[in-house]
Amino acid sequence: MTPLSELIKQMGIKKIPFVDEHKAAKKRWLKEQAPLFARVCENKPATNPVLHLL
């Protein structure tokens, strides 16, 4: 599990009906965005990762 997927799981993203109904889109989004999220977190370690979701 990637840091991005762990973070959105902790935030309760599955409770959002759209996300629950479009599991393939969520999976595709996570696959595409996880590398960028990881790089951003590495480059800005002092910033809370939740703030990088904006």
C-alpha atoms as a PDB file:
ATOM      1  CA  MET A   1       0.000   0.000   0.000  1.00  0.00           C
ATOM      2  CA  THR A   2       1.385   3.405  -0.949  1.00  0.00           C
ATOM      3  CA  PRO A   3       1.551   6.379   1.415  1.00  0.00           C
ATOM      4  CA  LEU A   4      -1.153   8.082  -0.662  1.00  0.00           C
ATOM      5  CA  SER A   5      -3.545   5.153  -0.447  1.00  0.00           C
ATOM      6  CA  GLU A   6      -2.905   4.803   3.292  1.00  0.00           C
ATOM      7  CA  LEU A   7      -3.601   8.482   3.848  1.00  0.00           C
ATOM      8  CA  ILE A   8      -6.868   8.572   1.928  1.00  0.00           C
ATOM      9  CA  LYS A   9      -7.957   5.372   3.659  1.00  0.00           C
ATOM     10  CA  GLN A  10      -7.351   7.033   7.040  1.00  0.00           C
ATOM     11  CA  MET A  11      -9.388  10.014   5.867  1.00  0.00           C
ATOM     12  CA  GLY A  12     -12.380   7.767   5.188  1.00  0.00           C
ATOM     13  CA  ILE A  13     -12.577   8.191   1.436  1.00  0.00           C
ATOM     14  CA  LYS A  14     -14.646   5.006   1.114  1.00  0.00           C
ATOM     15  CA  LYS A  15     -17.514   6.815   2.832  1.00  0.00           C
ATOM     16  CA  ILE A  16     -17.913   9.059  -0.218  1.00  0.00           C
ATOM     17  CA  PRO A  17     -20.574   7.457  -2.451  1.00  0.00           C
ATOM     18  CA  PHE A  18     -18.898   8.474  -5.727  1.00  0.00           C
ATOM     19  CA  VAL A  19     -15.630   6.836  -4.702  1.00  0.00           C
ATOM     20  CA  ASP A  20     -17.419   3.693  -3.578  1.00  0.00           C
ATOM     21  CA  GLU A  21     -19.300   3.463  -6.888  1.00  0.00           C
ATOM     22  CA  HIS A  22     -16.220   4.053  -9.072  1.00  0.00           C
ATOM     23  CA  LYS A  23     -13.610   1.711  -7.625  1.00  0.00           C
ATOM     24  CA  ALA A  24     -11.756   1.342 -10.940  1.00  0.00           C
ATOM     25  CA  ALA A  25     -11.385   5.112 -11.260  1.00  0.00           C
ATOM     26  CA  LYS A  26     -10.076   5.343  -7.688  1.00  0.00           C
ATOM     27  CA  LYS A  27      -7.575   2.575  -8.344  1.00  0.00           C
ATOM     28  CA  ARG A  28      -6.407   4.243 -11.569  1.00  0.00           C
ATOM     29  CA  TRP A  29      -6.126   7.637  -9.845  1.00  0.00           C
ATOM     30  CA  LEU A  30      -4.068   6.148  -7.005  1.00  0.00           C
ATOM     31  CA  LYS A  31      -1.748   4.394  -9.454  1.00  0.00           C
ATOM     32  CA  GLU A  32      -1.189   7.598 -11.429  1.00  0.00           C
ATOM     33  CA  GLN A  33      -0.861   9.997  -8.482  1.00  0.00           C
ATOM     34  CA  ALA A  34       1.078   7.911  -5.947  1.00  0.00           C
ATOM     35  CA  PRO A  35       4.534   8.515  -7.502  1.00  0.00           C
ATOM     36  CA  LEU A  36       3.981  12.282  -7.615  1.00  0.00           C
ATOM     37  CA  PHE A  37       2.683  12.321  -4.040  1.00  0.00           C
ATOM     38  CA  ALA A  38       5.737  10.360  -2.864  1.00  0.00           C
ATOM     39  CA  ARG A  39       8.126  12.803  -4.591  1.00  0.00           C
ATOM     40  CA  VAL A  40       6.345  15.810  -3.115  1.00  0.00           C
ATOM     41  CA  CYS A  41       6.516  14.316   0.379  1.00  0.00           C
ATOM     42  CA  GLU A  42      10.228  13.570  -0.067  1.00  0.00           C
ATOM     43  CA  ASN A  43      10.933  17.122  -1.226  1.00  0.00           C
ATOM     44  CA  LYS A  44       8.873  18.748   1.538  1.00  0.00           C
ATOM     45  CA  PRO A  45       9.384  16.509   4.601  1.00  0.00           C
ATOM     46  CA  ALA A  46       8.534  19.287   7.063  1.00  0.00           C
ATOM     47  CA  THR A  47       5.031  19.679   5.620  1.00  0.00           C
ATOM     48  CA  ASN A  48       2.222  17.452   6.861  1.00  0.00           C
ATOM     49  CA  PRO A  49       1.397  15.013   4.022  1.00  0.00           C
ATOM     50  CA  VAL A  50      -2.312  15.812   4.351  1.00  0.00           C
ATOM     51  CA  LEU A  51      -1.563  19.336   3.138  1.00  0.00           C
ATOM     52  CA  HIS A  52      -0.094  17.936  -0.073  1.00  0.00           C
ATOM     53  CA  LEU A  53      -3.479  16.510  -1.010  1.00  0.00           C
ATOM     54  CA  LEU A  54      -4.825  19.965  -1.838  1.00  0.00           C
END
